[in-house]
C-alpha atoms as a PDB file:
ATOM      1  CA  MET A   1     110.446 180.667  90.966  1.00  0.00           C
ATOM      2  CA  GLN A   2     108.788 177.956  93.047  1.00  0.00           C
ATOM      3  CA  ARG A   3     108.229 174.648  91.142  1.00  0.00           C
ATOM      4  CA  LYS A   4     104.647 173.505  91.001  1.00  0.00           C
ATOM      5  CA  TYR A   5     104.389 169.886  92.148  1.00  0.00           C
ATOM      6  CA  PHE A   6     100.623 169.850  92.341  1.00  0.00           C
ATOM      7  CA  TYR A   7      99.701 170.246  88.722  1.00  0.00           C
ATOM      8  CA  PRO A   8      97.240 167.513  87.648  1.00  0.00           C
ATOM      9  CA  GLY A   9      99.948 165.776  85.580  1.00  0.00           C
ATOM     10  CA  TYR A  10     102.326 165.586  88.546  1.00  0.00           C
ATOM     11  CA  LEU A  11      99.573 164.427  90.847  1.00  0.00           C
ATOM     12  CA  ILE A  12      98.598 161.559  88.535  1.00  0.00           C
ATOM     13  CA  PHE A  13     102.261 160.553  88.214  1.00  0.00           C
ATOM     14  CA  TRP A  14     102.839 160.384  92.001  1.00  0.00           C
ATOM     15  CA  LEU A  15      99.573 158.508  92.575  1.00  0.00           C
ATOM     16  CA  ALA A  16     100.522 155.947  89.929  1.00  0.00           C
ATOM     17  CA  MET A  17     103.968 155.451  91.533  1.00  0.00           C
ATOM     18  CA  ALA A  18     102.416 154.991  94.986  1.00  0.00           C
ATOM     19  CA  ALA A  19      99.824 152.516  93.692  1.00  0.00           C
ATOM     20  CA  GLY A  20     102.538 150.523  91.929  1.00  0.00           C
ATOM     21  CA  CYS A  21     104.619 150.250  95.081  1.00  0.00           C
ATOM     22  CA  LEU A  22     101.583 149.293  97.169  1.00  0.00           C
ATOM     23  CA  PHE A  23     100.499 146.666  94.648  1.00  0.00           C
ATOM     24  CA  SER A  24     103.957 145.092  94.463  1.00  0.00           C
ATOM     25  CA  VAL A  25     104.165 144.847  98.253  1.00  0.00           C
ATOM     26  CA  ARG A  26     100.665 143.356  98.443  1.00  0.00           C
ATOM     27  CA  VAL A  27     101.420 140.761  95.767  1.00  0.00           C
ATOM     28  CA  GLU A  28     104.561 139.736  97.645  1.00  0.00           C
ATOM     29  CA  ALA A  29     102.547 139.367 100.865  1.00  0.00           C
ATOM     30  CA  GLN A  30      99.691 137.499  99.267  1.00  0.00           C
ATOM     31  CA  ASN A  31     101.798 134.956  97.389  1.00  0.00           C
ATOM     32  CA  GLU A  32     103.263 132.923 100.237  1.00  0.00           C
ATOM     33  CA  LEU A  33     105.154 129.759  99.319  1.00  0.00           C
ATOM     34  CA  ARG A  34     103.678 126.674 100.986  1.00  0.00           C
ATOM     35  CA  TYR A  35     104.052 122.901 100.750  1.00  0.00           C
ATOM     36  CA  VAL A  36     100.972 121.112  99.428  1.00  0.00           C
ATOM     37  CA  GLY A  37     102.079 117.490  99.222  1.00  0.00           C
ATOM     38  CA  GLU A  38     104.731 114.929  98.396  1.00  0.00           C
ATOM     39  CA  LEU A  39     105.248 112.037  95.988  1.00  0.00           C
ATOM     40  CA  GLY A  40     107.399 109.226  97.303  1.00  0.00           C
ATOM     41  CA  ILE A  41     108.487 105.605  97.208  1.00  0.00           C
ATOM     42  CA  SER A  42     108.711 103.057 100.013  1.00  0.00           C
ATOM     43  CA  VAL A  43     111.083 100.093 100.257  1.00  0.00           C
ATOM     44  CA  GLY A  44     111.186  97.528 103.028  1.00  0.00           C
ATOM     45  CA  ALA A  45     109.976  94.151 104.233  1.00  0.00           C
ATOM     46  CA  ALA A  46     106.651  92.423 104.899  1.00  0.00           C
ATOM     47  CA  HIS A  47     105.794  89.606 107.302  1.00  0.00           C
ATOM     48  CA  TYR A  48     102.776  87.323 107.684  1.00  0.00           C
ATOM     49  CA  PHE A  49     100.941  86.165 110.838  1.00  0.00           C
ATOM     50  CA  GLY A  50      98.218  83.549 110.754  1.00  0.00           C
ATOM     51  CA  ASP A  51      97.451  79.827 110.948  1.00  0.00           C
ATOM     52  CA  LEU A  52     101.003  78.875 109.958  1.00  0.00           C
ATOM     53  CA  ASN A  53     102.595  81.453 112.259  1.00  0.00           C
ATOM     54  CA  THR A  54     100.450  81.536 115.372  1.00  0.00           C
ATOM     55  CA  ARG A  55     103.265  82.589 117.716  1.00  0.00           C
ATOM     56  CA  GLY A  56     103.938  85.852 115.895  1.00  0.00           C
ATOM     57  CA  ALA A  57     107.498  84.978 114.936  1.00  0.00           C
ATOM     58  CA  ILE A  58     109.293  87.494 112.728  1.00  0.00           C
ATOM     59  CA  ASN A  59     111.768  85.189 111.038  1.00  0.00           C
ATOM     60  CA  ARG A  60     110.753  85.090 107.361  1.00  0.00           C
ATOM     61  CA  PRO A  61     110.467  88.684 106.081  1.00  0.00           C
ATOM     62  CA  LYS A  62     109.894  89.190 102.377  1.00  0.00           C
ATOM     63  CA  PRO A  63     110.307  92.276 100.154  1.00  0.00           C
ATOM     64  CA  ALA A  64     107.821  95.133  99.925  1.00  0.00           C
ATOM     65  CA  VAL A  65     107.896  98.194  97.650  1.00  0.00           C
ATOM     66  CA  GLY A  66     105.412 100.996  97.076  1.00  0.00           C
ATOM     67  CA  ILE A  67     104.610 104.418  95.718  1.00  0.00           C
ATOM     68  CA  TYR A  68     102.467 107.066  97.422  1.00  0.00           C
ATOM     69  CA  TYR A  69     101.152 110.600  97.332  1.00  0.00           C
ATOM     70  CA  ARG A  70     100.498 112.501 100.570  1.00  0.00           C
ATOM     71  CA  LYS A  71      98.321 115.620 100.519  1.00  0.00           C
ATOM     72  CA  TYR A  72      99.077 118.119 103.299  1.00  0.00           C
ATOM     73  CA  MET A  73      95.945 119.434 104.970  1.00  0.00           C
ATOM     74  CA  ASN A  74      97.997 121.510 107.423  1.00  0.00           C
ATOM     75  CA  ASP A  75     101.254 121.197 109.394  1.00  0.00           C
ATOM     76  CA  TYR A  76      99.841 118.309 111.475  1.00  0.00           C
ATOM     77  CA  VAL A  77      97.504 116.308 109.226  1.00  0.00           C
ATOM     78  CA  GLY A  78      97.920 114.631 105.847  1.00  0.00           C
ATOM     79  CA  ILE A  79      95.896 112.236 103.663  1.00  0.00           C
ATOM     80  CA  ARG A  80      97.767 109.576 101.720  1.00  0.00           C
ATOM     81  CA  ALA A  81      97.056 107.138  98.884  1.00  0.00           C
ATOM     82  CA  HIS A  82      99.645 104.333  98.889  1.00  0.00           C
ATOM     83  CA  GLY A  83     100.046 101.483  96.398  1.00  0.00           C
ATOM     84  CA  ARG A  84     102.240  98.546  97.389  1.00  0.00           C
ATOM     85  CA  PHE A  85     103.528  95.243  96.063  1.00  0.00           C
ATOM     86  CA  MET A  86     104.838  92.689  98.531  1.00  0.00           C
ATOM     87  CA  GLN A  87     105.418  89.005  99.058  1.00  0.00           C
ATOM     88  CA  LEU A  88     104.218  86.926 102.008  1.00  0.00           C
ATOM     89  CA  GLY A  89     104.872  83.336 102.941  1.00  0.00           C
ATOM     90  CA  TYR A  90     105.540  80.836 105.707  1.00  0.00           C
ATOM     91  CA  SER A  91     106.007  77.128 106.350  1.00  0.00           C
ATOM     92  CA  ASP A  92     105.278  74.704 109.166  1.00  0.00           C
ATOM     93  CA  VAL A  93     108.936  73.625 109.106  1.00  0.00           C
ATOM     94  CA  TYR A  94     109.675  76.769 111.170  1.00  0.00           C
ATOM     95  CA  ASN A  95     107.159  75.837 113.892  1.00  0.00           C
ATOM     96  CA  THR A  96     108.323  74.207 117.113  1.00  0.00           C
ATOM     97  CA  ASN A  97     104.803  73.072 118.043  1.00  0.00           C
ATOM     98  CA  GLU A  98     104.647  69.307 117.356  1.00  0.00           C
ATOM     99  CA  PHE A  99     101.239  69.320 115.664  1.00  0.00           C
ATOM    100  CA  GLN A 100     102.019  72.304 113.460  1.00  0.00           C
ATOM    101  CA  ASN A 101     105.377  70.876 112.462  1.00  0.00           C
ATOM    102  CA  ARG A 102     103.762  67.527 111.569  1.00  0.00           C
ATOM    103  CA  ARG A 103     101.036  69.347 109.610  1.00  0.00           C
ATOM    104  CA  ASN A 104     103.768  70.345 107.152  1.00  0.00           C
ATOM    105  CA  LEU A 105     101.821  73.001 105.226  1.00  0.00           C
ATOM    106  CA  SER A 106     103.364  76.006 103.458  1.00  0.00           C
ATOM    107  CA  PHE A 107     102.404  78.881 101.187  1.00  0.00           C
ATOM    108  CA  ASN A 108     103.652  81.944  99.356  1.00  0.00           C
ATOM    109  CA  THR A 109     101.758  84.757  97.700  1.00  0.00           C
ATOM    110  CA  ASN A 110     102.315  87.951  95.794  1.00  0.00           C
ATOM    111  CA  LEU A 111     100.102  90.685  97.211  1.00  0.00           C
ATOM    112  CA  TRP A 112      99.004  93.956  95.596  1.00  0.00           C
ATOM    113  CA  GLU A 113      97.547  96.576  97.918  1.00  0.00           C
ATOM    114  CA  LEU A 114      95.982 100.029  97.591  1.00  0.00           C
ATOM    115  CA  SER A 115      95.468 101.914 100.842  1.00  0.00           C
ATOM    116  CA  LEU A 116      93.973 105.234 101.950  1.00  0.00           C
ATOM    117  CA  GLN A 117      95.547 106.553 105.146  1.00  0.00           C
ATOM    118  CA  GLY A 118      95.341 109.525 107.451  1.00  0.00           C
ATOM    119  CA  ASP A 119      98.653 110.721 108.942  1.00  0.00           C
ATOM    120  CA  PHE A 120      98.786 112.684 112.208  1.00  0.00           C
ATOM    121  CA  ASN A 121     102.030 114.394 113.256  1.00  0.00           C
ATOM    122  CA  PHE A 122     102.941 114.695 116.933  1.00  0.00           C
ATOM    123  CA  PHE A 123     104.888 117.906 116.241  1.00  0.00           C
ATOM    124  CA  ARG A 124     104.364 120.704 113.794  1.00  0.00           C
ATOM    125  CA  PHE A 125     106.054 119.634 110.565  1.00  0.00           C
ATOM    126  CA  GLU A 126     107.167 122.428 108.255  1.00  0.00           C
ATOM    127  CA  PRO A 127     109.596 121.410 105.472  1.00  0.00           C
ATOM    128  CA  GLY A 128     112.279 123.968 104.762  1.00  0.00           C
ATOM    129  CA  SER A 129     112.299 125.371 108.292  1.00  0.00           C
ATOM    130  CA  LEU A 130     115.242 125.126 110.674  1.00  0.00           C
ATOM    131  CA  TYR A 131     113.433 123.818 113.736  1.00  0.00           C
ATOM    132  CA  GLU A 132     110.240 122.049 112.595  1.00  0.00           C
ATOM    133  CA  ARG A 133     111.629 119.501 110.158  1.00  0.00           C
ATOM    134  CA  PHE A 134     111.216 116.315 112.246  1.00  0.00           C
ATOM    135  CA  SER A 135     108.137 114.585 113.672  1.00  0.00           C
ATOM    136  CA  PRO A 136     106.965 111.160 114.777  1.00  0.00           C
ATOM    137  CA  TYR A 137     103.479 110.380 113.492  1.00  0.00           C
ATOM    138  CA  LEU A 138     100.548 107.978 113.721  1.00  0.00           C
ATOM    139  CA  THR A 139      98.799 106.606 110.661  1.00  0.00           C
ATOM    140  CA  GLY A 140      95.613 104.648 110.115  1.00  0.00           C
ATOM    141  CA  GLY A 141      93.139 103.754 107.425  1.00  0.00           C
ATOM    142  CA  ALA A 142      91.962 100.909 105.221  1.00  0.00           C
ATOM    143  CA  SER A 143      93.221  99.003 102.201  1.00  0.00           C
ATOM    144  CA  ILE A 144      91.985  96.666  99.513  1.00  0.00           C
ATOM    145  CA  PHE A 145      94.326  93.944  98.326  1.00  0.00           C
ATOM    146  CA  TYR A 146      94.668  91.029  95.904  1.00  0.00           C
ATOM    147  CA  PHE A 147      96.476  87.810  96.798  1.00  0.00           C
ATOM    148  CA  ASN A 148      96.760  84.288  95.333  1.00  0.00           C
ATOM    149  CA  PRO A 149      98.422  81.673  97.563  1.00  0.00           C
ATOM    150  CA  TYR A 150     100.534  78.929  96.019  1.00  0.00           C
ATOM    151  CA  THR A 151     102.867  76.158  97.063  1.00  0.00           C
ATOM    152  CA  TYR A 152     105.184  73.576  95.494  1.00  0.00           C
ATOM    153  CA  LEU A 153     104.808  69.822  95.184  1.00  0.00           C
ATOM    154  CA  GLY A 154     107.555  67.842  93.524  1.00  0.00           C
ATOM    155  CA  GLY A 155     109.097  71.092  92.303  1.00  0.00           C
ATOM    156  CA  VAL A 156     105.890  72.133  90.534  1.00  0.00           C
ATOM    157  CA  LYS A 157     104.053  75.317  91.486  1.00  0.00           C
ATOM    158  CA  TYR A 158     100.328  75.012  92.286  1.00  0.00           C
ATOM    159  CA  TYR A 159      97.896  77.808  93.066  1.00  0.00           C
ATOM    160  CA  LEU A 160      95.828  76.689  96.040  1.00  0.00           C
ATOM    161  CA  GLN A 161      92.516  78.533  95.762  1.00  0.00           C
ATOM    162  CA  PRO A 162      91.283  76.601  92.668  1.00  0.00           C
ATOM    163  CA  LEU A 163      92.106  73.300  94.398  1.00  0.00           C
ATOM    164  CA  ARG A 164      89.684  74.046  97.271  1.00  0.00           C
ATOM    165  CA  THR A 165      91.825  72.170  99.775  1.00  0.00           C
ATOM    166  CA  GLU A 166      89.290  72.467 102.622  1.00  0.00           C
ATOM    167  CA  GLY A 167      86.369  71.188 100.583  1.00  0.00           C
ATOM    168  CA  GLN A 168      85.013  74.588  99.556  1.00  0.00           C
ATOM    169  CA  GLY A 169      82.138  74.173  97.116  1.00  0.00           C
ATOM    170  CA  SER A 170      81.755  70.451  97.823  1.00  0.00           C
ATOM    171  CA  ALA A 171      78.323  68.959  98.434  1.00  0.00           C
ATOM    172  CA  LEU A 172      79.773  67.481 101.637  1.00  0.00           C
ATOM    173  CA  TYR A 173      80.505  70.997 102.942  1.00  0.00           C
ATOM    174  CA  PRO A 174      77.741  73.273 101.649  1.00  0.00           C
ATOM    175  CA  ASP A 175      78.631  75.930 104.238  1.00  0.00           C
ATOM    176  CA  ARG A 176      82.187  76.282 102.904  1.00  0.00           C
ATOM    177  CA  LYS A 177      82.261  78.669  99.972  1.00  0.00           C
ATOM    178  CA  PRO A 178      85.298  79.296  97.750  1.00  0.00           C
ATOM    179  CA  TYR A 179      87.139  82.283  99.166  1.00  0.00           C
ATOM    180  CA  SER A 180      87.737  85.486  97.266  1.00  0.00           C
ATOM    181  CA  LEU A 181      91.233  86.516  96.191  1.00  0.00           C
ATOM    182  CA  VAL A 182      90.308  90.141  96.900  1.00  0.00           C
ATOM    183  CA  SER A 183      89.868  91.328 100.470  1.00  0.00           C
ATOM    184  CA  TYR A 184      90.356  94.392 102.652  1.00  0.00           C
ATOM    185  CA  ALA A 185      92.165  95.300 105.851  1.00  0.00           C
ATOM    186  CA  TRP A 186      92.164  97.899 108.610  1.00  0.00           C
ATOM    187  CA  LEU A 187      95.526  99.607 109.065  1.00  0.00           C
ATOM    188  CA  ILE A 188      97.267 101.058 112.100  1.00  0.00           C
ATOM    189  CA  GLY A 189     100.875 102.138 112.405  1.00  0.00           C
ATOM    190  CA  GLY A 190     103.374 104.872 112.970  1.00  0.00           C
ATOM    191  CA  GLY A 191     106.791 106.175 112.148  1.00  0.00           C
ATOM    192  CA  PHE A 192     108.853 109.297 111.891  1.00  0.00           C
ATOM    193  CA  LYS A 193     109.863 111.616 109.090  1.00  0.00           C
ATOM    194  CA  TYR A 194     112.638 114.116 108.579  1.00  0.00           C
ATOM    195  CA  ASN A 195     112.995 116.916 106.063  1.00  0.00           C
ATOM    196  CA  ILE A 196     116.574 116.837 104.729  1.00  0.00           C
ATOM    197  CA  SER A 197     116.183 119.698 102.243  1.00  0.00           C
ATOM    198  CA  LYS A 198     113.571 122.055 100.831  1.00  0.00           C
ATOM    199  CA  THR A 199     112.521 119.366  98.345  1.00  0.00           C
ATOM    200  CA  VAL A 200     113.145 115.973 100.010  1.00  0.00           C
ATOM    201  CA  ASN A 201     111.722 114.089 103.010  1.00  0.00           C
ATOM    202  CA  VAL A 202     112.864 110.722 104.371  1.00  0.00           C
ATOM    203  CA  GLY A 203     111.169 108.473 106.927  1.00  0.00           C
ATOM    204  CA  LEU A 204     110.636 105.079 108.485  1.00  0.00           C
ATOM    205  CA  GLU A 205     107.185 103.511 108.959  1.00  0.00           C
ATOM    206  CA  ALA A 206     105.748 100.334 110.498  1.00  0.00           C
ATOM    207  CA  LEU A 207     102.195  99.461 109.406  1.00  0.00           C
ATOM    208  CA  TYR A 208     100.058  96.590 110.719  1.00  0.00           C
ATOM    209  CA  ARG A 209      97.069  95.079 108.867  1.00  0.00           C
ATOM    210  CA  PHE A 210      94.046  93.391 110.386  1.00  0.00           C
ATOM    211  CA  THR A 211      92.746  91.636 107.284  1.00  0.00           C
ATOM    212  CA  GLN A 212      89.222  90.387 106.728  1.00  0.00           C
ATOM    213  CA  SER A 213      90.409  87.140 105.132  1.00  0.00           C
ATOM    214  CA  ASP A 214      91.488  83.913 106.820  1.00  0.00           C
ATOM    215  CA  TYR A 215      92.853  82.456 103.610  1.00  0.00           C
ATOM    216  CA  LEU A 216      96.078  84.314 102.865  1.00  0.00           C
ATOM    217  CA  ASP A 217      97.705  80.966 103.666  1.00  0.00           C
ATOM    218  CA  ASP A 218      94.862  78.755 102.303  1.00  0.00           C
ATOM    219  CA  VAL A 219      94.329  77.426 105.853  1.00  0.00           C
ATOM    220  CA  SER A 220      91.286  78.191 107.987  1.00  0.00           C
ATOM    221  CA  THR A 221      89.178  75.361 109.370  1.00  0.00           C
ATOM    222  CA  THR A 222      89.184  71.514 109.525  1.00  0.00           C
ATOM    223  CA  TYR A 223      90.489  68.771 107.259  1.00  0.00           C
ATOM    224  CA  ALA A 224      87.998  67.801 104.559  1.00  0.00           C
ATOM    225  CA  GLY A 225      89.480  64.346 104.008  1.00  0.00           C
ATOM    226  CA  GLU A 226      90.523  62.588 100.802  1.00  0.00           C
ATOM    227  CA  GLY A 227      86.937  61.527 100.092  1.00  0.00           C
ATOM    228  CA  VAL A 228      86.146  65.048  98.891  1.00  0.00           C
ATOM    229  CA  PHE A 229      88.780  64.808  96.158  1.00  0.00           C
ATOM    230  CA  PRO A 230      88.245  62.234  93.399  1.00  0.00           C
ATOM    231  CA  THR A 231      91.213  60.069  92.476  1.00  0.00           C
ATOM    232  CA  ILE A 232      92.898  60.266  89.078  1.00  0.00           C
ATOM    233  CA  ASP A 233      93.720  56.852  87.612  1.00  0.00           C
ATOM    234  CA  GLY A 234      93.519  55.421  91.090  1.00  0.00           C
ATOM    235  CA  GLN A 235      95.995  57.952  92.461  1.00  0.00           C
ATOM    236  CA  PRO A 236      95.303  60.813  94.905  1.00  0.00           C
ATOM    237  CA  SER A 237      94.683  64.110  93.142  1.00  0.00           C
ATOM    238  CA  ILE A 238      96.954  67.113  93.632  1.00  0.00           C
ATOM    239  CA  ALA A 239      94.285  68.706  95.837  1.00  0.00           C
ATOM    240  CA  ALA A 240      94.136  65.596  98.044  1.00  0.00           C
ATOM    241  CA  GLN A 241      97.918  65.600  98.425  1.00  0.00           C
ATOM    242  CA  LEU A 242      98.097  69.286  99.279  1.00  0.00           C
ATOM    243  CA  GLN A 243      95.213  69.306 101.754  1.00  0.00           C
ATOM    244  CA  ASP A 244      97.207  66.962 104.024  1.00  0.00           C
ATOM    245  CA  ARG A 245     100.979  66.870 103.658  1.00  0.00           C
ATOM    246  CA  SER A 246     101.728  65.284 107.016  1.00  0.00           C
ATOM    247  CA  GLY A 247     102.349  61.838 105.524  1.00  0.00           C
ATOM    248  CA  VAL A 248     105.947  62.686 104.625  1.00  0.00           C
ATOM    249  CA  LYS A 249     106.685  63.007 108.372  1.00  0.00           C
ATOM    250  CA  GLY A 250     104.957  59.833 109.510  1.00  0.00           C
ATOM    251  CA  THR A 251     101.368  58.704 109.940  1.00  0.00           C
ATOM    252  CA  PRO A 252      99.008  61.219 108.274  1.00  0.00           C
ATOM    253  CA  ILE A 253      97.137  63.416 110.752  1.00  0.00           C
ATOM    254  CA  GLY A 254      94.518  64.802 108.335  1.00  0.00           C
ATOM    255  CA  VAL A 255      91.530  62.999 109.809  1.00  0.00           C
ATOM    256  CA  VAL A 256      88.164  64.321 108.616  1.00  0.00           C
ATOM    257  CA  GLY A 257      86.989  67.042 111.002  1.00  0.00           C
ATOM    258  CA  ARG A 258      90.363  67.472 112.709  1.00  0.00           C
ATOM    259  CA  GLN A 259      91.499  71.029 113.162  1.00  0.00           C
ATOM    260  CA  ARG A 260      93.620  72.270 110.263  1.00  0.00           C
ATOM    261  CA  GLY A 261      93.518  75.976 111.118  1.00  0.00           C
ATOM    262  CA  ASN A 262      91.792  78.468 113.397  1.00  0.00           C
ATOM    263  CA  SER A 263      88.763  80.004 111.708  1.00  0.00           C
ATOM    264  CA  ARG A 264      88.081  82.373 114.619  1.00  0.00           C
ATOM    265  CA  ASP A 265      91.065  84.610 113.815  1.00  0.00           C
ATOM    266  CA  LYS A 266      91.758  86.372 110.538  1.00  0.00           C
ATOM    267  CA  ASP A 267      95.224  86.530 109.000  1.00  0.00           C
ATOM    268  CA  GLN A 268      97.405  89.575 109.541  1.00  0.00           C
ATOM    269  CA  PHE A 269     100.595  91.070 108.175  1.00  0.00           C
ATOM    270  CA  ILE A 270     102.957  93.950 108.784  1.00  0.00           C
ATOM    271  CA  THR A 271     105.354  96.085 106.747  1.00  0.00           C
ATOM    272  CA  LEU A 272     108.435  98.028 107.808  1.00  0.00           C
ATOM    273  CA  GLU A 273     109.489 100.539 105.151  1.00  0.00           C
ATOM    274  CA  LEU A 274     111.967 103.296 104.470  1.00  0.00           C
ATOM    275  CA  THR A 275     110.422 106.217 102.579  1.00  0.00           C
ATOM    276  CA  ILE A 276     111.820 109.030 100.438  1.00  0.00           C
ATOM    277  CA  SER A 277     109.698 111.696  98.782  1.00  0.00           C
ATOM    278  CA  ILE A 278     109.828 114.810  96.618  1.00  0.00           C
ATOM    279  CA  LEU A 279     107.877 117.829  97.861  1.00  0.00           C
ATOM    280  CA  PHE A 280     105.420 119.910  95.860  1.00  0.00           C
ATOM    281  CA  THR A 281     104.842 123.621  96.534  1.00  0.00           C
ATOM    282  CA  SER A 282     102.399 126.341  95.556  1.00  0.00           C
ATOM    283  CA  TYR A 283     101.873 130.015  96.223  1.00  0.00           C
ATOM    284  CA  ASN A 284      99.100 130.638  98.676  1.00  0.00           C
ATOM    285  CA  CYS A 285      97.056 133.845  98.957  1.00  0.00           C
ATOM    286  CA  LYS A 286      97.637 134.954 102.528  1.00  0.00           C
ATOM    287  CA  PHE A 287      94.901 137.613 102.697  1.00  0.00           C
END
């Protein structure tokens, strides 16, 4: 006797089986693994350019470290938030120019920076793939940073901004206002990155800052002269001594109104960093 496969019970069973298979295939297609971002650290060096390093010498690098998160917009574009700590500093003893060497100024500062950057890959970058795991890239954006320059006199550390070494806030120089220890910078740079596994990227990046401050080094304009700084028990104050330190190399050159720095150009600095990051993934609905 012929078996009856088209009874209502059988029909419901086969329809349920077919729907289950179709649903499982559709779920597999819709849930596509994709990379959404990465959390990483950066380690490298920072260097300052400004009134104490006018020739752009790269001879006194100082450490820089950071942590960042990069959000992938697609295989070519990412947006990154990057926090960094670095040190900057320089001294006139490294200058070959006679005036700058005689000037004998120096500074150091710890600098904290938070930047927002856009990253643009030259090639399609797809972590986990065999052929699209390397790309050079451009990066640009802006940052806000905090700094506080200091120097040493007689082995004692002095922060320079409160001393107002160029007469800031003095009645003799009403146009010179105390500078802020918080400023911002425009960023431009580039590098390359390489995906070494399905979960790890490494890279190298150089990033240049055009800051909006001319006081990273506490030097900007002309000498204010000792008359701005009252004496203490008949002796020059610390501010008076630090505004002109040329006396230890001969006749002092800090004549009132003589150029101490170049106020037309803002200070700048650069970082060169190695990066390593952990990738984050999600399942993306393809349809």
